[in-house]
Amino acid sequence: MSERAAPFYCPYCGDEDLRPNEQGHGAWECAACNRAFQLKFLGLLTRGLQASDGGTAT
């Protein structure tokens, strides 16, 4: 995947008026609530492994 994903709404107020922040690399700012936030990809999850199974998820 070569394109970066863009958020559809602010995680704080739910508004859709978002603009890329000057810091770049997944940083966004919301014009409605005047907050800046950053998106970060943590990794892929293993299919079929859930924390509620009683085991430890690694």
N, C-alpha and C. Protein backbone atom coordinates (compact mmCIF):
# COMPACT_ATOMS: atom_id res chain seq x y z
N MET A 1 0.86 -1.17 0.00
CA MET A 1 0.00 0.00 0.00
C MET A 1 0.90 1.23 0.00
N SER A 2 0.76 2.07 -1.01
CA SER A 2 1.63 3.22 -1.12
C SER A 2 1.00 4.50 -0.60
N GLU A 3 -0.32 4.59 -0.59
CA GLU A 3 -0.98 5.79 -0.10
C GLU A 3 -1.18 5.72 1.41
N ARG A 4 -1.13 6.86 2.04
CA ARG A 4 -1.39 6.93 3.48
C ARG A 4 -2.89 7.10 3.71
N ALA A 5 -3.39 6.45 4.72
CA ALA A 5 -4.81 6.56 5.04
C ALA A 5 -5.09 7.89 5.74
N ALA A 6 -6.20 8.48 5.42
CA ALA A 6 -6.61 9.74 6.04
C ALA A 6 -7.83 9.47 6.93
N PRO A 7 -7.89 10.12 8.09
CA PRO A 7 -9.05 9.94 8.96
C PRO A 7 -10.28 10.61 8.35
N PHE A 8 -11.45 10.07 8.63
CA PHE A 8 -12.70 10.64 8.13
C PHE A 8 -13.31 11.63 9.12
N TYR A 9 -12.98 11.49 10.41
CA TYR A 9 -13.55 12.38 11.42
C TYR A 9 -12.58 12.51 12.59
N CYS A 10 -12.75 13.55 13.37
CA CYS A 10 -11.92 13.81 14.54
C CYS A 10 -12.26 12.80 15.64
N PRO A 11 -11.25 12.16 16.26
CA PRO A 11 -11.53 11.20 17.32
C PRO A 11 -12.03 11.86 18.61
N TYR A 12 -11.93 13.18 18.71
CA TYR A 12 -12.36 13.88 19.93
C TYR A 12 -13.77 14.44 19.82
N CYS A 13 -14.08 15.12 18.70
CA CYS A 13 -15.39 15.76 18.60
C CYS A 13 -16.27 15.17 17.50
N GLY A 14 -15.69 14.37 16.60
CA GLY A 14 -16.46 13.74 15.54
C GLY A 14 -16.66 14.60 14.30
N ASP A 15 -16.13 15.80 14.29
CA ASP A 15 -16.28 16.68 13.13
C ASP A 15 -15.43 16.18 11.96
N GLU A 16 -15.80 16.58 10.76
CA GLU A 16 -15.10 16.12 9.57
C GLU A 16 -14.19 17.18 8.95
N ASP A 17 -14.04 18.33 9.60
CA ASP A 17 -13.20 19.41 9.06
C ASP A 17 -11.75 19.21 9.51
N LEU A 18 -11.05 18.28 8.87
CA LEU A 18 -9.68 17.93 9.23
C LEU A 18 -8.71 18.40 8.16
N ARG A 19 -7.53 18.79 8.61
CA ARG A 19 -6.47 19.21 7.70
C ARG A 19 -5.16 18.61 8.17
N PRO A 20 -4.27 18.28 7.23
CA PRO A 20 -2.95 17.77 7.64
C PRO A 20 -2.21 18.81 8.48
N ASN A 21 -1.56 18.35 9.53
CA ASN A 21 -0.77 19.23 10.39
C ASN A 21 0.60 19.43 9.76
N GLU A 22 1.23 20.53 10.06
CA GLU A 22 2.54 20.84 9.47
C GLU A 22 3.63 19.88 9.93
N GLN A 23 3.41 19.13 11.02
CA GLN A 23 4.40 18.16 11.48
C GLN A 23 4.48 16.97 10.53
N GLY A 24 3.40 16.70 9.80
CA GLY A 24 3.40 15.60 8.84
C GLY A 24 3.39 14.24 9.50
N HIS A 25 3.62 13.19 8.72
CA HIS A 25 3.71 11.81 9.20
C HIS A 25 2.52 11.40 10.05
N GLY A 26 1.31 11.58 9.54
CA GLY A 26 0.11 11.14 10.24
C GLY A 26 -0.46 12.14 11.22
N ALA A 27 0.04 13.37 11.24
CA ALA A 27 -0.47 14.39 12.14
C ALA A 27 -1.60 15.17 11.46
N TRP A 28 -2.69 15.36 12.17
CA TRP A 28 -3.86 16.05 11.65
C TRP A 28 -4.33 17.08 12.66
N GLU A 29 -5.05 18.09 12.18
CA GLU A 29 -5.66 19.07 13.08
C GLU A 29 -7.13 19.23 12.74
N CYS A 30 -7.93 19.42 13.77
CA CYS A 30 -9.37 19.59 13.63
C CYS A 30 -9.70 21.06 13.80
N ALA A 31 -10.37 21.64 12.80
CA ALA A 31 -10.73 23.05 12.86
C ALA A 31 -11.90 23.29 13.83
N ALA A 32 -12.72 22.27 14.07
CA ALA A 32 -13.89 22.43 14.92
C ALA A 32 -13.53 22.53 16.41
N CYS A 33 -12.66 21.63 16.89
CA CYS A 33 -12.34 21.61 18.32
C CYS A 33 -10.92 22.12 18.61
N ASN A 34 -10.19 22.51 17.54
CA ASN A 34 -8.86 23.09 17.68
C ASN A 34 -7.87 22.14 18.35
N ARG A 35 -7.99 20.84 18.03
CA ARG A 35 -7.06 19.85 18.57
C ARG A 35 -6.21 19.29 17.45
N ALA A 36 -5.01 18.87 17.80
CA ALA A 36 -4.13 18.18 16.86
C ALA A 36 -3.93 16.77 17.39
N PHE A 37 -3.87 15.81 16.46
CA PHE A 37 -3.66 14.42 16.86
C PHE A 37 -2.83 13.74 15.79
N GLN A 38 -2.30 12.57 16.14
CA GLN A 38 -1.45 11.84 15.22
C GLN A 38 -1.92 10.40 15.10
N LEU A 39 -1.93 9.90 13.88
CA LEU A 39 -2.28 8.51 13.62
C LEU A 39 -1.00 7.70 13.49
N LYS A 40 -1.04 6.48 14.03
CA LYS A 40 0.15 5.63 13.99
C LYS A 40 -0.27 4.19 13.73
N PHE A 41 0.37 3.54 12.80
CA PHE A 41 0.12 2.14 12.51
C PHE A 41 0.92 1.30 13.51
N LEU A 42 0.25 0.45 14.27
CA LEU A 42 0.91 -0.36 15.30
C LEU A 42 1.39 -1.70 14.78
N GLY A 43 0.69 -2.29 13.83
CA GLY A 43 1.09 -3.59 13.30
C GLY A 43 -0.12 -4.42 12.93
N LEU A 44 0.14 -5.61 12.45
CA LEU A 44 -0.92 -6.53 12.06
C LEU A 44 -1.28 -7.45 13.21
N LEU A 45 -2.55 -7.80 13.30
CA LEU A 45 -3.03 -8.71 14.33
C LEU A 45 -3.06 -10.13 13.79
N THR A 46 -2.86 -11.08 14.66
CA THR A 46 -2.94 -12.48 14.27
C THR A 46 -4.40 -12.90 14.23
N ARG A 47 -4.82 -13.50 13.14
CA ARG A 47 -6.21 -13.95 13.02
C ARG A 47 -6.48 -15.13 13.94
N GLY A 48 -7.67 -15.13 14.56
CA GLY A 48 -8.07 -16.25 15.39
C GLY A 48 -7.56 -16.18 16.82
N LEU A 49 -6.70 -15.26 17.13
CA LEU A 49 -6.15 -15.14 18.48
C LEU A 49 -6.80 -13.95 19.16
N GLN A 50 -7.52 -14.21 20.26
CA GLN A 50 -8.22 -13.16 20.96
C GLN A 50 -7.83 -13.20 22.44
N ALA A 51 -7.80 -12.04 23.07
CA ALA A 51 -7.44 -11.95 24.48
C ALA A 51 -8.48 -12.62 25.37
N SER A 52 -9.72 -12.76 24.92
CA SER A 52 -10.76 -13.37 25.74
C SER A 52 -10.69 -14.89 25.74
N ASP A 53 -9.74 -15.49 25.00
CA ASP A 53 -9.60 -16.94 24.96
C ASP A 53 -8.96 -17.51 26.22
N GLY A 54 -8.49 -16.64 27.10
CA GLY A 54 -7.84 -17.11 28.32
C GLY A 54 -6.34 -17.22 28.18
N GLY A 55 -5.85 -17.16 26.97
CA GLY A 55 -4.42 -17.19 26.72
C GLY A 55 -3.86 -15.80 26.63
N THR A 56 -2.56 -15.72 26.48
CA THR A 56 -1.94 -14.42 26.34
C THR A 56 -1.70 -14.16 24.87
N ALA A 57 -2.07 -13.01 24.41
CA ALA A 57 -1.85 -12.63 23.02
C ALA A 57 -0.49 -11.97 22.90
N THR A 58 0.33 -12.46 22.00
CA THR A 58 1.66 -11.86 21.81
C THR A 58 1.81 -11.28 20.45
